[in-house]
Amino acid sequence: MDKPIRIALVCTSLNQLGGRDNHLKNMYLNLDEDQFKVFLFCCTSLENEFKEFMVNNGVKPEDLVLLSRFKK
């Protein structure tokens, strides 16, 4: 079988936990692992809370990349 297709899900603004976080988590968890390798790239002011939420809900830490948040 061919290698899984790699997908990067990118979210540049997560300032609270809620709908977007759940949406990213659900896409990550529900795409077929045999067909897709999913990575999450997120920019958030709540890095520790976001990482804890994602990892506690099944996202592998090595698939989660937190980007530094810079002020505009």
PDB file of N, CA and C in Angstrom:
ATOM      1  N   MET A   1       0.833  -1.176   0.000  1.00  0.00           N
ATOM      2  CA  MET A   1       0.000   0.000   0.000  1.00  0.00           C
ATOM      3  C   MET A   1       0.883   1.246   0.000  1.00  0.00           C
ATOM      4  N   ASP A   2       0.431   2.297  -0.663  1.00  0.00           N
ATOM      5  CA  ASP A   2       1.155   3.568  -0.692  1.00  0.00           C
ATOM      6  C   ASP A   2       1.185   4.200   0.682  1.00  0.00           C
ATOM      7  N   LYS A   3       2.116   5.129   0.839  1.00  0.00           N
ATOM      8  CA  LYS A   3       2.196   5.877   2.089  1.00  0.00           C
ATOM      9  C   LYS A   3       0.948   6.753   2.240  1.00  0.00           C
ATOM     10  N   PRO A   4       0.551   7.007   3.498  1.00  0.00           N
ATOM     11  CA  PRO A   4      -0.620   7.880   3.702  1.00  0.00           C
ATOM     12  C   PRO A   4      -0.347   9.298   3.190  1.00  0.00           C
ATOM     13  N   ILE A   5      -1.392   9.948   2.756  1.00  0.00           N
ATOM     14  CA  ILE A   5      -1.314  11.348   2.344  1.00  0.00           C
ATOM     15  C   ILE A   5      -1.129  12.189   3.595  1.00  0.00           C
ATOM     16  N   ARG A   6      -0.145  13.080   3.565  1.00  0.00           N
ATOM     17  CA  ARG A   6       0.104  13.948   4.718  1.00  0.00           C
ATOM     18  C   ARG A   6      -0.758  15.205   4.590  1.00  0.00           C
ATOM     19  N   ILE A   7      -1.425  15.542   5.685  1.00  0.00           N
ATOM     20  CA  ILE A   7      -2.299  16.709   5.724  1.00  0.00           C
ATOM     21  C   ILE A   7      -1.868  17.599   6.882  1.00  0.00           C
ATOM     22  N   ALA A   8      -1.750  18.888   6.623  1.00  0.00           N
ATOM     23  CA  ALA A   8      -1.467  19.864   7.672  1.00  0.00           C
ATOM     24  C   ALA A   8      -2.717  20.699   7.880  1.00  0.00           C
ATOM     25  N   LEU A   9      -3.259  20.634   9.073  1.00  0.00           N
ATOM     26  CA  LEU A   9      -4.378  21.485   9.442  1.00  0.00           C
ATOM     27  C   LEU A   9      -3.787  22.679  10.182  1.00  0.00           C
ATOM     28  N   VAL A  10      -4.050  23.877   9.675  1.00  0.00           N
ATOM     29  CA  VAL A  10      -3.435  25.084  10.218  1.00  0.00           C
ATOM     30  C   VAL A  10      -4.513  26.017  10.749  1.00  0.00           C
ATOM     31  N   CYS A  11      -4.328  26.468  11.982  1.00  0.00           N
ATOM     32  CA  CYS A  11      -5.231  27.456  12.574  1.00  0.00           C
ATOM     33  C   CYS A  11      -4.368  28.549  13.170  1.00  0.00           C
ATOM     34  N   THR A  12      -4.570  29.771  12.716  1.00  0.00           N
ATOM     35  CA  THR A  12      -3.687  30.863  13.115  1.00  0.00           C
ATOM     36  C   THR A  12      -4.195  31.671  14.290  1.00  0.00           C
ATOM     37  N   SER A  13      -5.387  31.397  14.770  1.00  0.00           N
ATOM     38  CA  SER A  13      -5.911  32.216  15.857  1.00  0.00           C
ATOM     39  C   SER A  13      -6.841  31.415  16.747  1.00  0.00           C
ATOM     40  N   LEU A  14      -6.306  30.906  17.844  1.00  0.00           N
ATOM     41  CA  LEU A  14      -7.108  30.203  18.843  1.00  0.00           C
ATOM     42  C   LEU A  14      -6.913  30.928  20.169  1.00  0.00           C
ATOM     43  N   ASN A  15      -7.879  31.745  20.547  1.00  0.00           N
ATOM     44  CA  ASN A  15      -7.743  32.535  21.758  1.00  0.00           C
ATOM     45  C   ASN A  15      -8.636  32.052  22.890  1.00  0.00           C
ATOM     46  N   GLN A  16      -9.397  31.024  22.621  1.00  0.00           N
ATOM     47  CA  GLN A  16     -10.227  30.414  23.655  1.00  0.00           C
ATOM     48  C   GLN A  16     -10.470  28.964  23.268  1.00  0.00           C
ATOM     49  N   LEU A  17     -10.770  28.143  24.249  1.00  0.00           N
ATOM     50  CA  LEU A  17     -11.061  26.742  23.964  1.00  0.00           C
ATOM     51  C   LEU A  17     -12.541  26.630  23.640  1.00  0.00           C
ATOM     52  N   GLY A  18     -12.850  25.803  22.650  1.00  0.00           N
ATOM     53  CA  GLY A  18     -14.256  25.654  22.276  1.00  0.00           C
ATOM     54  C   GLY A  18     -14.428  24.998  20.926  1.00  0.00           C
ATOM     55  N   GLY A  19     -15.217  25.619  20.074  1.00  0.00           N
ATOM     56  CA  GLY A  19     -15.634  25.029  18.812  1.00  0.00           C
ATOM     57  C   GLY A  19     -14.514  24.695  17.851  1.00  0.00           C
ATOM     58  N   ARG A  20     -13.614  25.639  17.618  1.00  0.00           N
ATOM     59  CA  ARG A  20     -12.525  25.377  16.658  1.00  0.00           C
ATOM     60  C   ARG A  20     -11.623  24.252  17.141  1.00  0.00           C
ATOM     61  N   ASP A  21     -11.348  24.228  18.433  1.00  0.00           N
ATOM     62  CA  ASP A  21     -10.497  23.177  18.993  1.00  0.00           C
ATOM     63  C   ASP A  21     -11.134  21.815  18.788  1.00  0.00           C
ATOM     64  N   ASN A  22     -12.421  21.726  19.072  1.00  0.00           N
ATOM     65  CA  ASN A  22     -13.139  20.466  18.887  1.00  0.00           C
ATOM     66  C   ASN A  22     -13.180  20.068  17.419  1.00  0.00           C
ATOM     67  N   HIS A  23     -13.354  21.039  16.542  1.00  0.00           N
ATOM     68  CA  HIS A  23     -13.391  20.756  15.103  1.00  0.00           C
ATOM     69  C   HIS A  23     -12.045  20.186  14.632  1.00  0.00           C
ATOM     70  N   LEU A  24     -10.935  20.825  15.035  1.00  0.00           N
ATOM     71  CA  LEU A  24      -9.607  20.319  14.667  1.00  0.00           C
ATOM     72  C   LEU A  24      -9.382  18.920  15.224  1.00  0.00           C
ATOM     73  N   LYS A  25      -9.737  18.733  16.495  1.00  0.00           N
ATOM     74  CA  LYS A  25      -9.573  17.424  17.142  1.00  0.00           C
ATOM     75  C   LYS A  25     -10.378  16.359  16.402  1.00  0.00           C
ATOM     76  N   ASN A  26     -11.613  16.670  16.052  1.00  0.00           N
ATOM     77  CA  ASN A  26     -12.457  15.692  15.371  1.00  0.00           C
ATOM     78  C   ASN A  26     -11.940  15.350  13.984  1.00  0.00           C
ATOM     79  N   MET A  27     -11.442  16.335  13.257  1.00  0.00           N
ATOM     80  CA  MET A  27     -10.863  16.028  11.938  1.00  0.00           C
ATOM     81  C   MET A  27      -9.635  15.136  12.111  1.00  0.00           C
ATOM     82  N   TYR A  28      -8.790  15.468  13.069  1.00  0.00           N
ATOM     83  CA  TYR A  28      -7.591  14.663  13.334  1.00  0.00           C
ATOM     84  C   TYR A  28      -7.967  13.223  13.669  1.00  0.00           C
ATOM     85  N   LEU A  29      -8.926  13.045  14.552  1.00  0.00           N
ATOM     86  CA  LEU A  29      -9.277  11.708  15.032  1.00  0.00           C
ATOM     87  C   LEU A  29     -10.088  10.882  14.039  1.00  0.00           C
ATOM     88  N   ASN A  30     -10.811  11.533  13.132  1.00  0.00           N
ATOM     89  CA  ASN A  30     -11.743  10.803  12.288  1.00  0.00           C
ATOM     90  C   ASN A  30     -11.265  10.549  10.867  1.00  0.00           C
ATOM     91  N   LEU A  31     -10.146  11.132  10.479  1.00  0.00           N
ATOM     92  CA  LEU A  31      -9.605  10.786   9.161  1.00  0.00           C
ATOM     93  C   LEU A  31      -8.914   9.429   9.272  1.00  0.00           C
ATOM     94  N   ASP A  32      -9.130   8.581   8.315  1.00  0.00           N
ATOM     95  CA  ASP A  32      -8.599   7.219   8.309  1.00  0.00           C
ATOM     96  C   ASP A  32      -7.070   7.227   8.364  1.00  0.00           C
ATOM     97  N   GLU A  33      -6.506   6.665   9.446  1.00  0.00           N
ATOM     98  CA  GLU A  33      -5.048   6.644   9.630  1.00  0.00           C
ATOM     99  C   GLU A  33      -4.319   5.885   8.531  1.00  0.00           C
ATOM    100  N   ASP A  34      -4.965   4.927   7.894  1.00  0.00           N
ATOM    101  CA  ASP A  34      -4.324   4.181   6.812  1.00  0.00           C
ATOM    102  C   ASP A  34      -4.170   5.035   5.558  1.00  0.00           C
ATOM    103  N   GLN A  35      -5.052   6.023   5.404  1.00  0.00           N
ATOM    104  CA  GLN A  35      -5.029   6.856   4.210  1.00  0.00           C
ATOM    105  C   GLN A  35      -4.402   8.227   4.430  1.00  0.00           C
ATOM    106  N   PHE A  36      -4.450   8.733   5.685  1.00  0.00           N
ATOM    107  CA  PHE A  36      -4.006  10.101   5.960  1.00  0.00           C
ATOM    108  C   PHE A  36      -3.144  10.162   7.209  1.00  0.00           C
ATOM    109  N   LYS A  37      -2.104  10.980   7.136  1.00  0.00           N
ATOM    110  CA  LYS A  37      -1.271  11.320   8.294  1.00  0.00           C
ATOM    111  C   LYS A  37      -1.509  12.803   8.546  1.00  0.00           C
ATOM    112  N   VAL A  38      -2.129  13.120   9.683  1.00  0.00           N
ATOM    113  CA  VAL A  38      -2.572  14.484   9.962  1.00  0.00           C
ATOM    114  C   VAL A  38      -1.657  15.151  10.992  1.00  0.00           C
ATOM    115  N   PHE A  39      -1.293  16.393  10.706  1.00  0.00           N
ATOM    116  CA  PHE A  39      -0.523  17.225  11.621  1.00  0.00           C
ATOM    117  C   PHE A  39      -1.321  18.486  11.900  1.00  0.00           C
ATOM    118  N   LEU A  40      -1.283  18.957  13.131  1.00  0.00           N
ATOM    119  CA  LEU A  40      -1.966  20.184  13.516  1.00  0.00           C
ATOM    120  C   LEU A  40      -0.933  21.272  13.786  1.00  0.00           C
ATOM    121  N   PHE A  41      -1.054  22.390  13.110  1.00  0.00           N
ATOM    122  CA  PHE A  41      -0.207  23.560  13.334  1.00  0.00           C
ATOM    123  C   PHE A  41      -1.112  24.669  13.849  1.00  0.00           C
ATOM    124  N   CYS A  42      -0.873  25.112  15.082  1.00  0.00           N
ATOM    125  CA  CYS A  42      -1.783  26.071  15.698  1.00  0.00           C
ATOM    126  C   CYS A  42      -1.030  27.197  16.385  1.00  0.00           C
ATOM    127  N   CYS A  43      -1.602  28.371  16.275  1.00  0.00           N
ATOM    128  CA  CYS A  43      -1.091  29.549  16.942  1.00  0.00           C
ATOM    129  C   CYS A  43      -2.145  29.946  17.976  1.00  0.00           C
ATOM    130  N   THR A  44      -1.761  29.942  19.253  1.00  0.00           N
ATOM    131  CA  THR A  44      -2.726  30.229  20.299  1.00  0.00           C
ATOM    132  C   THR A  44      -2.069  30.946  21.462  1.00  0.00           C
ATOM    133  N   SER A  45      -2.838  31.758  22.133  1.00  0.00           N
ATOM    134  CA  SER A  45      -2.349  32.420  23.348  1.00  0.00           C
ATOM    135  C   SER A  45      -2.529  31.506  24.556  1.00  0.00           C
ATOM    136  N   LEU A  46      -3.170  30.369  24.357  1.00  0.00           N
ATOM    137  CA  LEU A  46      -3.427  29.401  25.433  1.00  0.00           C
ATOM    138  C   LEU A  46      -2.665  28.107  25.167  1.00  0.00           C
ATOM    139  N   GLU A  47      -1.360  28.211  24.946  1.00  0.00           N
ATOM    140  CA  GLU A  47      -0.577  27.047  24.518  1.00  0.00           C
ATOM    141  C   GLU A  47      -0.711  25.854  25.452  1.00  0.00           C
ATOM    142  N   ASN A  48      -0.500  26.048  26.740  1.00  0.00           N
ATOM    143  CA  ASN A  48      -0.537  24.914  27.677  1.00  0.00           C
ATOM    144  C   ASN A  48      -1.925  24.288  27.748  1.00  0.00           C
ATOM    145  N   GLU A  49      -2.956  25.113  27.844  1.00  0.00           N
ATOM    146  CA  GLU A  49      -4.325  24.603  27.922  1.00  0.00           C
ATOM    147  C   GLU A  49      -4.725  23.874  26.640  1.00  0.00           C
ATOM    148  N   PHE A  50      -4.349  24.460  25.495  1.00  0.00           N
ATOM    149  CA  PHE A  50      -4.681  23.863  24.210  1.00  0.00           C
ATOM    150  C   PHE A  50      -3.991  22.514  24.039  1.00  0.00           C
ATOM    151  N   LYS A  51      -2.680  22.480  24.355  1.00  0.00           N
ATOM    152  CA  LYS A  51      -1.935  21.223  24.224  1.00  0.00           C
ATOM    153  C   LYS A  51      -2.524  20.148  25.141  1.00  0.00           C
ATOM    154  N   GLU A  52      -2.819  20.516  26.376  1.00  0.00           N
ATOM    155  CA  GLU A  52      -3.403  19.556  27.321  1.00  0.00           C
ATOM    156  C   GLU A  52      -4.746  19.036  26.813  1.00  0.00           C
ATOM    157  N   PHE A  53      -5.585  19.931  26.307  1.00  0.00           N
ATOM    158  CA  PHE A  53      -6.885  19.539  25.762  1.00  0.00           C
ATOM    159  C   PHE A  53      -6.721  18.552  24.607  1.00  0.00           C
ATOM    160  N   MET A  54      -5.840  18.884  23.666  1.00  0.00           N
ATOM    161  CA  MET A  54      -5.669  18.032  22.485  1.00  0.00           C
ATOM    162  C   MET A  54      -5.094  16.666  22.854  1.00  0.00           C
ATOM    163  N   VAL A  55      -4.050  16.648  23.656  1.00  0.00           N
ATOM    164  CA  VAL A  55      -3.400  15.383  24.018  1.00  0.00           C
ATOM    165  C   VAL A  55      -4.343  14.520  24.854  1.00  0.00           C
ATOM    166  N   ASN A  56      -5.072  15.130  25.774  1.00  0.00           N
ATOM    167  CA  ASN A  56      -6.024  14.377  26.599  1.00  0.00           C
ATOM    168  C   ASN A  56      -7.194  13.826  25.794  1.00  0.00           C
ATOM    169  N   ASN A  57      -7.395  14.354  24.583  1.00  0.00           N
ATOM    170  CA  ASN A  57      -8.489  13.893  23.733  1.00  0.00           C
ATOM    171  C   ASN A  57      -8.011  13.093  22.533  1.00  0.00           C
ATOM    172  N   GLY A  58      -6.776  12.577  22.591  1.00  0.00           N
ATOM    173  CA  GLY A  58      -6.347  11.614  21.580  1.00  0.00           C
ATOM    174  C   GLY A  58      -5.377  12.095  20.524  1.00  0.00           C
ATOM    175  N   VAL A  59      -5.005  13.367  20.527  1.00  0.00           N
ATOM    176  CA  VAL A  59      -4.039  13.859  19.548  1.00  0.00           C
ATOM    177  C   VAL A  59      -2.641  13.481  20.041  1.00  0.00           C
ATOM    178  N   LYS A  60      -1.850  12.888  19.165  1.00  0.00           N
ATOM    179  CA  LYS A  60      -0.482  12.513  19.529  1.00  0.00           C
ATOM    180  C   LYS A  60       0.378  13.777  19.617  1.00  0.00           C
ATOM    181  N   PRO A  61       1.141  13.926  20.705  1.00  0.00           N
ATOM    182  CA  PRO A  61       1.959  15.140  20.866  1.00  0.00           C
ATOM    183  C   PRO A  61       2.892  15.405  19.683  1.00  0.00           C
ATOM    184  N   GLU A  62       3.388  14.358  19.052  1.00  0.00           N
ATOM    185  CA  GLU A  62       4.308  14.556  17.928  1.00  0.00           C
ATOM    186  C   GLU A  62       3.605  15.070  16.671  1.00  0.00           C
ATOM    187  N   ASP A  63       2.278  15.030  16.655  1.00  0.00           N
ATOM    188  CA  ASP A  63       1.514  15.541  15.515  1.00  0.00           C
ATOM    189  C   ASP A  63       0.994  16.949  15.759  1.00  0.00           C
ATOM    190  N   LEU A  64       1.318  17.524  16.913  1.00  0.00           N
ATOM    191  CA  LEU A  64       0.830  18.846  17.296  1.00  0.00           C
ATOM    192  C   LEU A  64       1.998  19.825  17.357  1.00  0.00           C
ATOM    193  N   VAL A  65       1.922  20.877  16.542  1.00  0.00           N
ATOM    194  CA  VAL A  65       2.963  21.895  16.518  1.00  0.00           C
ATOM    195  C   VAL A  65       2.338  23.217  16.936  1.00  0.00           C
ATOM    196  N   LEU A  66       2.836  23.779  18.045  1.00  0.00           N
ATOM    197  CA  LEU A  66       2.344  25.077  18.505  1.00  0.00           C
ATOM    198  C   LEU A  66       3.308  26.157  18.041  1.00  0.00           C
ATOM    199  N   LEU A  67       2.747  27.143  17.369  1.00  0.00           N
ATOM    200  CA  LEU A  67       3.539  28.242  16.826  1.00  0.00           C
ATOM    201  C   LEU A  67       3.477  29.422  17.772  1.00  0.00           C
ATOM    202  N   SER A  68       4.583  30.124  17.916  1.00  0.00           N
ATOM    203  CA  SER A  68       4.596  31.305  18.770  1.00  0.00           C
ATOM    204  C   SER A  68       3.615  32.337  18.255  1.00  0.00           C
ATOM    205  N   ARG A  69       2.985  33.003  19.204  1.00  0.00           N
ATOM    206  CA  ARG A  69       2.012  34.036  18.844  1.00  0.00           C
ATOM    207  C   ARG A  69       2.675  35.397  19.011  1.00  0.00           C
ATOM    208  N   PHE A  70       2.700  36.155  17.942  1.00  0.00           N
ATOM    209  CA  PHE A  70       3.270  37.491  17.962  1.00  0.00           C
ATOM    210  C   PHE A  70       2.145  38.515  17.903  1.00  0.00           C
ATOM    211  N   LYS A  71       2.353  39.624  18.566  1.00  0.00           N
ATOM    212  CA  LYS A  71       1.369  40.698  18.497  1.00  0.00           C
ATOM    213  C   LYS A  71       1.432  41.338  17.121  1.00  0.00           C
ATOM    214  N   LYS A  72       0.286  41.835  16.676  1.00  0.00           N
ATOM    215  CA  LYS A  72       0.227  42.462  15.350  1.00  0.00           C
ATOM    216  C   LYS A  72       0.992  43.759  15.345  1.00  0.00           C
TER     217      LYS A  72
END
